């Protein structure tokens, strides 16, 4: 595992991307987080407790499913899905939230706080807070609160305080801004559990490390199922945590091509999509250096995608780096393709996917007919329970598809 052991560097840089650009009041708190993580991540007690949580609380390992009906209809490559939708709370997010909760416990913190887009990170963090007996504060944009009402209900049932964010674009970027502002006032007692491989160092590394279990399991399971590694591995990319989790299991395998699928929204026009790697440029956002979608003033631009969890004008610094060195191929799928994949998976496989995950499945549906004799493994990063009201009320039941 050469790549993972050497990346990022000690200052949190993946090549030129990453780092930690913090307001002075937060610098000692992030230093404390980094030092605590470095200590306990190699501790046998911490690892043993995390393994126990994964097995007996989260229900890991999650399986890989062969999508035989879709594979048969499309022809060409055989499509498989890593079923993170079967992880407790319905998405991959709990993998790092339980790890962050355990880290907070070790540090003596009493509260977990974060931003959320689709609400999956918020639900997962509220779950972790309940498990560890901590308070929880979640900041969420008003647009996402309206779109993802079931997840808002779940967070409140789990005991979290949900803070609506009504300024700016009222979505994920503003939720991050709001959460950071609140955290500055509470950093002595709270851990800001960032919800993706974004933010200042050490969070892109911490979240990747906790999500690495997805890649480790996938590699072992795929070999056991098929006797070989997949030819192509694909995952949706907003911030990019589910993708880094899956990619990290195959990143040293030369014969496996890695594919990140960004949200193209309704068009390639600025403001109509959130395809940061495809259309972004170097810049700073939320305390780190990465690729950013910028408006005419050089500020983070408004973004749009049908999938609230991908609605971010930046991207994890590791993804920016992997794009730059050509290790991962980044492409995009638009709202229509994601919806078609959502309906197809539901009807043909009995799996209702999250709209985020449907972007990865859309990529597989596009590529399968062109790649006979090959195999494609996607990350089914979450289930679509949170999306069914929004989809059916806005687009119907897909009867015409």
Protein backbone atom coordinates (compact mmCIF):
# COMPACT_ATOMS: atom_id res chain seq x y z
CA UNK A 1 0.00 0.00 0.00
CA UNK A 2 2.70 2.47 -0.97
CA UNK A 3 0.43 5.31 -2.11
CA UNK A 4 -1.68 5.51 1.07
CA UNK A 5 1.35 5.48 3.35
CA UNK A 6 3.04 8.40 1.58
CA UNK A 7 0.06 10.61 0.70
CA UNK A 8 -0.66 13.27 1.96
CA UNK A 9 2.62 14.69 3.23
CA UNK A 10 3.13 15.86 6.81
CA UNK A 11 1.56 19.26 6.04
CA UNK A 12 -1.53 17.68 4.55
CA UNK A 13 -0.74 18.28 0.88
CA UNK A 14 -1.59 15.96 -1.98
CA UNK A 15 0.89 17.40 -4.45
CA UNK A 16 -0.04 21.10 -4.52
CA UNK A 17 -3.56 20.54 -3.17
CA UNK A 18 -4.74 20.45 0.43
CA UNK A 19 -3.15 22.11 3.43
CA UNK A 20 -4.82 23.97 6.28
CA UNK A 21 -5.59 27.68 5.94
CA UNK A 22 -7.27 28.42 9.26
CA UNK A 23 -8.28 31.49 11.22
CA UNK A 24 -5.82 31.79 14.13
CA UNK A 25 -8.40 30.82 16.81
CA UNK A 26 -8.87 27.41 15.12
CA UNK A 27 -5.20 26.55 14.57
CA UNK A 28 -4.61 25.02 18.02
CA UNK A 29 -7.83 22.99 17.78
CA UNK A 30 -6.93 21.46 14.43
CA UNK A 31 -3.42 20.75 15.74
CA UNK A 32 -5.01 18.95 18.69
CA UNK A 33 -7.21 16.90 16.33
CA UNK A 34 -4.26 15.97 14.14
CA UNK A 35 -2.06 14.92 17.05
CA UNK A 36 -4.85 12.92 18.68
CA UNK A 37 -5.62 11.12 15.41
CA UNK A 38 -1.96 10.31 14.79
CA UNK A 39 -1.75 8.80 18.28
CA UNK A 40 -4.90 6.68 18.29
CA UNK A 41 -5.02 5.60 14.64
CA UNK A 42 -2.15 3.22 15.38
CA UNK A 43 -3.54 2.16 18.77
CA UNK A 44 -4.65 -1.46 19.08
CA UNK A 45 -7.41 -0.47 21.52
CA UNK A 46 -8.87 2.13 19.14
CA UNK A 47 -8.71 -0.24 16.16
CA UNK A 48 -10.31 -3.07 18.16
CA UNK A 49 -13.19 -0.83 19.28
CA UNK A 50 -13.71 0.48 15.73
CA UNK A 51 -13.81 -3.10 14.37
CA UNK A 52 -16.34 -4.08 17.01
CA UNK A 53 -18.52 -1.09 16.08
CA UNK A 54 -18.29 -1.90 12.37
CA UNK A 55 -19.29 -5.53 12.84
CA UNK A 56 -21.87 -5.37 15.62
CA UNK A 57 -23.41 -1.91 15.13
CA UNK A 58 -22.95 -0.97 11.47
CA UNK A 59 -23.43 -4.46 10.04
CA UNK A 60 -20.17 -4.60 8.11
CA UNK A 61 -18.97 -6.03 5.84
CA UNK A 62 -21.53 -4.85 3.30
CA UNK A 63 -21.86 -7.20 0.30
CA UNK A 64 -21.17 -6.77 -3.39
CA UNK A 65 -24.19 -7.48 -5.61
CA UNK A 66 -24.00 -8.59 -9.24
CA UNK A 67 -26.52 -6.47 -11.17
CA UNK A 68 -27.42 -9.31 -13.50
CA UNK A 69 -30.65 -7.91 -14.96
CA UNK A 70 -29.17 -4.57 -15.95
CA UNK A 71 -25.98 -6.26 -17.17
CA UNK A 72 -28.06 -8.61 -19.34
CA UNK A 73 -30.19 -5.83 -20.81
CA UNK A 74 -27.30 -3.47 -21.54
CA UNK A 75 -24.94 -6.10 -22.92
CA UNK A 76 -21.19 -5.69 -22.77
CA UNK A 77 -19.56 -5.31 -19.38
CA UNK A 78 -20.88 -7.00 -16.26
CA UNK A 79 -21.94 -4.50 -13.57
CA UNK A 80 -21.42 -5.01 -9.83
CA UNK A 81 -22.32 -2.75 -6.91
CA UNK A 82 -20.68 -2.38 -3.50
CA UNK A 83 -23.73 -2.11 -1.26
CA UNK A 84 -22.97 0.76 1.09
CA UNK A 85 -26.73 1.40 1.02
CA UNK A 86 -26.89 -1.60 3.40
CA UNK A 87 -24.55 0.03 5.93
CA UNK A 88 -26.50 1.16 9.02
CA UNK A 89 -28.27 4.50 8.38
CA UNK A 90 -28.29 3.79 4.65
CA UNK A 91 -25.00 5.17 3.32
CA UNK A 92 -21.22 5.07 3.56
CA UNK A 93 -21.18 8.15 5.82
CA UNK A 94 -21.39 6.16 9.06
CA UNK A 95 -17.94 4.68 8.31
CA UNK A 96 -16.21 7.95 9.13
CA UNK A 97 -18.81 9.30 11.57
CA UNK A 98 -18.31 6.41 14.00
CA UNK A 99 -14.56 6.88 13.64
CA UNK A 100 -14.88 10.62 14.28
CA UNK A 101 -17.14 9.93 17.26
CA UNK A 102 -14.56 7.54 18.69
CA UNK A 103 -11.87 10.18 18.13
CA UNK A 104 -14.02 12.79 19.93
CA UNK A 105 -14.52 10.40 22.84
CA UNK A 106 -10.76 9.87 23.07
CA UNK A 107 -10.23 13.66 23.08
CA UNK A 108 -12.80 14.19 25.84
CA UNK A 109 -15.21 16.18 23.65
CA UNK A 110 -18.89 16.37 24.58
CA UNK A 111 -20.38 17.40 21.25
CA UNK A 112 -20.23 16.49 17.55
CA UNK A 113 -21.10 19.11 14.94
CA UNK A 114 -21.04 19.28 11.16
CA UNK A 115 -22.62 20.41 7.91
CA UNK A 116 -24.76 18.17 5.74
CA UNK A 117 -26.07 18.32 2.15
CA UNK A 118 -28.31 15.34 1.42
CA UNK A 119 -28.61 14.74 5.15
CA UNK A 120 -26.82 11.37 5.13
CA UNK A 121 -23.78 12.74 6.95
CA UNK A 122 -26.08 14.52 9.39
CA UNK A 123 -28.03 11.33 10.09
CA UNK A 124 -24.81 9.34 10.47
CA UNK A 125 -23.27 11.89 12.82
CA UNK A 126 -26.47 12.12 14.88
CA UNK A 127 -26.36 8.32 15.10
CA UNK A 128 -22.74 8.41 16.28
CA UNK A 129 -23.57 11.11 18.84
CA UNK A 130 -26.42 9.00 20.23
CA UNK A 131 -24.15 5.93 20.38
CA UNK A 132 -21.39 7.77 22.24
CA UNK A 133 -23.75 9.83 24.44
CA UNK A 134 -22.85 13.23 22.97
CA UNK A 135 -24.72 16.34 21.86
CA UNK A 136 -25.06 16.92 18.12
CA UNK A 137 -25.50 20.09 16.02
CA UNK A 138 -26.08 19.86 12.25
CA UNK A 139 -26.13 22.82 9.83
CA UNK A 140 -28.16 22.29 6.64
CA UNK A 141 -29.19 24.58 3.79
CA UNK A 142 -32.88 25.44 3.54
CA UNK A 143 -33.09 24.08 -0.03
CA UNK A 144 -31.70 20.73 1.12
CA UNK A 145 -34.00 20.68 4.17
CA UNK A 146 -36.97 20.92 1.81
CA UNK A 147 -35.61 18.27 -0.59
CA UNK A 148 -34.47 15.81 2.05
CA UNK A 149 -37.27 16.03 4.62
CA UNK A 150 -37.04 12.34 5.71
CA UNK A 151 -33.43 12.81 6.75
CA UNK A 152 -34.25 15.97 8.70
CA UNK A 153 -36.86 13.98 10.62
CA UNK A 154 -34.33 11.22 11.30
CA UNK A 155 -31.73 13.68 12.63
CA UNK A 156 -34.27 15.21 15.02
CA UNK A 157 -35.45 11.78 16.20
CA UNK A 158 -31.82 10.88 16.91
CA UNK A 159 -31.55 13.93 19.16
CA UNK A 160 -29.65 16.34 16.91
CA UNK A 161 -30.27 20.08 16.71
CA UNK A 162 -30.76 20.96 13.02
CA UNK A 163 -29.75 24.54 12.18
CA UNK A 164 -31.39 25.83 8.94
CA UNK A 165 -29.06 27.94 6.78
CA UNK A 166 -30.90 30.63 4.85
CA UNK A 167 -28.18 32.82 3.34
CA UNK A 168 -26.52 32.69 -0.10
CA UNK A 169 -27.38 29.62 -2.16
CA UNK A 170 -28.93 27.97 0.93
CA UNK A 171 -27.21 24.64 0.19
CA UNK A 172 -24.07 22.71 1.11
CA UNK A 173 -21.44 25.45 0.77
CA UNK A 174 -23.40 27.78 3.02
CA UNK A 175 -24.00 24.94 5.50
CA UNK A 176 -20.22 24.54 5.77
CA UNK A 177 -19.77 28.30 6.27
CA UNK A 178 -22.42 28.32 8.99
CA UNK A 179 -21.06 25.25 10.77
CA UNK A 180 -17.50 26.64 10.82
CA UNK A 181 -18.76 29.91 12.32
CA UNK A 182 -20.60 28.06 15.08
CA UNK A 183 -17.67 25.72 15.74
CA UNK A 184 -15.26 28.60 16.42
CA UNK A 185 -17.35 29.45 19.50
CA UNK A 186 -17.51 25.84 20.76
CA UNK A 187 -14.18 24.30 19.74
CA UNK A 188 -13.12 23.58 23.34
CA UNK A 189 -15.96 21.13 23.89
CA UNK A 190 -16.92 20.09 20.34
CA UNK A 191 -15.38 18.19 17.43
CA UNK A 192 -16.24 19.48 13.96
CA UNK A 193 -16.69 16.16 12.19
CA UNK A 194 -16.28 17.20 8.54
CA UNK A 195 -18.49 15.11 6.28
CA UNK A 196 -16.24 14.36 3.32
CA UNK A 197 -12.61 14.29 2.18
CA UNK A 198 -12.63 18.10 2.23
CA UNK A 199 -11.69 20.86 4.64
CA UNK A 200 -8.39 21.71 6.28
CA UNK A 201 -5.83 18.99 7.08
CA UNK A 202 -6.17 16.46 8.73
CA UNK A 203 -9.78 15.83 7.64
CA UNK A 204 -9.22 14.79 3.99
CA UNK A 205 -6.81 12.14 5.35
CA UNK A 206 -8.93 11.13 8.36
CA UNK A 207 -12.12 10.65 6.36
CA UNK A 208 -10.28 8.72 3.62
CA UNK A 209 -8.68 6.47 6.22
CA UNK A 210 -12.03 5.66 7.85
CA UNK A 211 -13.64 5.09 4.41
CA UNK A 212 -10.74 2.84 3.33
CA UNK A 213 -12.70 -0.13 4.72
CA UNK A 214 -14.98 0.13 1.64
CA UNK A 215 -12.04 -0.43 -0.71
CA UNK A 216 -10.47 -3.16 1.44
CA UNK A 217 -13.73 -5.14 1.56
CA UNK A 218 -14.48 -4.56 -2.12
CA UNK A 219 -11.11 -5.86 -3.29
CA UNK A 220 -11.37 -9.03 -1.22
CA UNK A 221 -15.02 -9.65 -2.10
CA UNK A 222 -14.60 -9.09 -5.84
CA UNK A 223 -11.64 -11.48 -5.97
CA UNK A 224 -13.64 -14.07 -4.06
CA UNK A 225 -16.71 -13.64 -6.30
CA UNK A 226 -14.98 -13.60 -9.69
CA UNK A 227 -11.38 -14.75 -9.20
CA UNK A 228 -10.14 -11.46 -10.60
CA UNK A 229 -10.11 -7.72 -9.94
CA UNK A 230 -12.65 -5.43 -11.67
CA UNK A 231 -11.53 -3.76 -14.89
CA UNK A 232 -13.23 -0.48 -13.98
CA UNK A 233 -14.14 0.98 -10.59
CA UNK A 234 -16.50 3.98 -10.42
CA UNK A 235 -18.04 6.23 -7.78
CA UNK A 236 -19.83 9.55 -7.67
CA UNK A 237 -17.78 12.60 -6.64
CA UNK A 238 -19.09 15.67 -4.82
CA UNK A 239 -16.64 16.18 -1.99
CA UNK A 240 -15.55 12.66 -2.74
CA UNK A 241 -15.54 10.50 0.42
CA UNK A 242 -17.32 7.44 -0.97
CA UNK A 243 -15.07 7.56 -4.04
CA UNK A 244 -11.85 7.80 -2.02
CA UNK A 245 -13.06 4.91 0.13
CA UNK A 246 -13.57 2.69 -2.89
CA UNK A 247 -10.58 3.92 -4.92
CA UNK A 248 -8.17 3.43 -2.00
CA UNK A 249 -8.65 -0.32 -2.23
CA UNK A 250 -7.46 -0.43 -5.85
CA UNK A 251 -5.14 2.57 -6.14
CA UNK A 252 -1.97 0.44 -6.36
CA UNK A 253 -3.48 -1.99 -8.91
CA UNK A 254 -2.20 -1.06 -12.37
CA UNK A 255 -4.84 -3.10 -14.22
CA UNK A 256 -7.83 -1.38 -12.60
CA UNK A 257 -9.02 1.93 -14.09
CA UNK A 258 -10.61 4.34 -11.59
CA UNK A 259 -13.47 6.64 -12.59
CA UNK A 260 -14.97 9.56 -10.65
CA UNK A 261 -18.42 10.69 -11.80
CA UNK A 262 -19.33 14.32 -11.18
CA UNK A 263 -22.82 15.90 -11.36
CA UNK A 264 -23.41 17.71 -14.67
CA UNK A 265 -26.82 18.96 -13.52
CA UNK A 266 -28.90 20.43 -16.32
CA UNK A 267 -26.13 21.83 -18.55
CA UNK A 268 -22.44 22.76 -18.70
CA UNK A 269 -23.31 26.42 -18.03
CA UNK A 270 -21.91 27.81 -14.75
CA UNK A 271 -24.61 27.55 -12.10
CA UNK A 272 -26.31 24.59 -13.78
CA UNK A 273 -23.93 21.88 -12.55
CA UNK A 274 -21.44 20.95 -9.80
CA UNK A 275 -18.75 19.32 -11.97
CA UNK A 276 -15.76 20.88 -10.23
CA UNK A 277 -12.95 18.81 -11.71
CA UNK A 278 -14.44 19.01 -15.20
CA UNK A 279 -14.91 22.80 -15.20
CA UNK A 280 -13.12 24.18 -12.13
CA UNK A 281 -9.80 25.93 -11.60
CA UNK A 282 -7.25 26.11 -8.80
CA UNK A 283 -8.48 28.02 -5.78
CA UNK A 284 -9.11 28.03 -2.05
CA UNK A 285 -12.33 27.09 -0.29
CA UNK A 286 -13.12 26.29 3.35
CA UNK A 287 -9.50 26.32 4.47
CA UNK A 288 -7.81 24.20 1.79
CA UNK A 289 -6.43 24.50 -1.75
CA UNK A 290 -8.16 22.50 -4.48
CA UNK A 291 -10.15 22.87 -7.71
CA UNK A 292 -13.08 25.27 -7.36
CA UNK A 293 -15.95 26.40 -9.57
CA UNK A 294 -15.66 30.20 -9.59
CA UNK A 295 -17.94 33.03 -10.61
CA UNK A 296 -16.84 36.20 -12.47
CA UNK A 297 -15.49 37.66 -9.21
CA UNK A 298 -13.34 34.62 -8.46
CA UNK A 299 -15.65 33.51 -5.64
CA UNK A 300 -17.12 29.97 -5.32
CA UNK A 301 -19.92 29.82 -7.87
CA UNK A 302 -23.54 28.75 -7.37
CA UNK A 303 -23.99 25.09 -8.24
CA UNK A 304 -26.88 22.77 -9.12
CA UNK A 305 -27.46 19.03 -9.14
CA UNK A 306 -30.45 16.82 -8.52
CA UNK A 307 -28.36 15.13 -5.80
CA UNK A 308 -27.99 17.34 -2.71
CA UNK A 309 -24.97 15.38 -1.47
CA UNK A 310 -22.96 16.36 -4.58
CA UNK A 311 -23.95 20.05 -4.43
CA UNK A 312 -20.53 21.58 -3.70
CA UNK A 313 -18.39 24.05 -5.72
CA UNK A 314 -15.11 22.45 -4.53
CA UNK A 315 -13.78 18.90 -4.37
CA UNK A 316 -11.54 16.92 -2.04
CA UNK A 317 -7.88 17.90 -2.56
CA UNK A 318 -6.89 14.29 -3.12
CA UNK A 319 -9.27 14.09 -6.07
CA UNK A 320 -7.74 17.26 -7.55
CA UNK A 321 -4.32 15.63 -7.18
CA UNK A 322 -5.38 12.26 -8.64
CA UNK A 323 -6.87 14.12 -11.60
CA UNK A 324 -3.68 16.12 -12.13
CA UNK A 325 -1.42 13.03 -12.12
CA UNK A 326 -3.87 11.09 -14.33
CA UNK A 327 -4.45 8.29 -11.80
CA UNK A 328 -8.24 8.70 -11.85
CA UNK A 329 -10.42 9.46 -14.88
CA UNK A 330 -13.09 12.05 -14.07
CA UNK A 331 -16.26 12.35 -16.11
CA UNK A 332 -19.80 13.59 -15.45
CA UNK A 333 -23.41 12.44 -15.63
CA UNK A 334 -26.34 14.85 -15.86
CA UNK A 335 -29.62 14.91 -13.94
CA UNK A 336 -31.49 13.02 -16.66
CA UNK A 337 -28.94 10.19 -16.74
CA UNK A 338 -28.97 9.94 -12.95
CA UNK A 339 -32.78 9.80 -12.90
CA UNK A 340 -32.80 7.10 -15.60
CA UNK A 341 -30.33 5.06 -13.52
CA UNK A 342 -32.44 5.64 -10.38
CA UNK A 343 -35.52 4.22 -12.07
CA UNK A 344 -33.66 1.38 -13.81
CA UNK A 345 -32.01 0.14 -10.62
CA UNK A 346 -35.32 0.31 -8.76
CA UNK A 347 -37.31 -1.56 -11.42
CA UNK A 348 -34.71 -4.03 -12.64
CA UNK A 349 -32.65 -4.85 -9.56
CA UNK A 350 -34.92 -4.09 -6.60
CA UNK A 351 -32.42 -1.51 -5.33
CA UNK A 352 -33.62 2.09 -4.93
CA UNK A 353 -30.34 4.06 -5.05
CA UNK A 354 -29.54 7.45 -3.64
CA UNK A 355 -29.54 10.09 -6.39
CA UNK A 356 -25.83 10.59 -5.64
CA UNK A 357 -25.07 6.89 -6.25
CA UNK A 358 -27.27 6.95 -9.36
CA UNK A 359 -24.57 9.12 -11.02
CA UNK A 360 -22.08 6.26 -10.70
CA UNK A 361 -24.65 3.79 -12.00
CA UNK A 362 -25.38 6.13 -14.93
CA UNK A 363 -21.68 5.93 -15.81
CA UNK A 364 -21.81 2.11 -15.71
CA UNK A 365 -24.93 2.08 -17.92
CA UNK A 366 -23.16 4.35 -20.41
CA UNK A 367 -19.93 2.36 -20.45
CA UNK A 368 -21.18 -1.25 -20.25
CA UNK A 369 -22.29 -1.61 -23.89
CA UNK A 370 -18.87 -0.33 -25.07
CA UNK A 371 -16.87 -2.81 -22.97
CA UNK A 372 -17.81 -6.42 -23.71
CA UNK A 373 -15.91 -8.95 -21.64
CA UNK A 374 -15.09 -6.39 -18.95
CA UNK A 375 -16.37 -5.84 -15.42
CA UNK A 376 -17.44 -2.58 -13.75
CA UNK A 377 -17.70 -2.17 -9.97
CA UNK A 378 -19.62 0.89 -8.76
CA UNK A 379 -20.11 2.17 -5.24
CA UNK A 380 -23.80 2.08 -4.35
CA UNK A 381 -22.91 4.69 -1.74
CA UNK A 382 -26.41 5.17 -0.34
CA UNK A 383 -30.02 4.14 -0.58
CA UNK A 384 -32.72 6.31 -2.04
CA UNK A 385 -35.27 6.35 0.78
CA UNK A 386 -34.37 10.01 1.38
CA UNK A 387 -35.07 10.85 -2.28
CA UNK A 388 -38.31 9.02 -3.04
CA UNK A 389 -40.71 11.82 -2.07
CA UNK A 390 -38.74 14.44 -4.00
CA UNK A 391 -38.34 12.21 -7.08
CA UNK A 392 -41.93 10.98 -7.29
CA UNK A 393 -43.49 14.39 -6.57
CA UNK A 394 -41.21 16.13 -9.11
CA UNK A 395 -40.70 13.51 -11.80
CA UNK A 396 -43.28 10.77 -11.19
CA UNK A 397 -42.64 7.05 -11.02
CA UNK A 398 -40.61 6.68 -14.20
CA UNK A 399 -43.44 4.86 -15.99
CA UNK A 400 -42.46 6.42 -19.30
CA UNK A 401 -38.87 5.14 -19.01
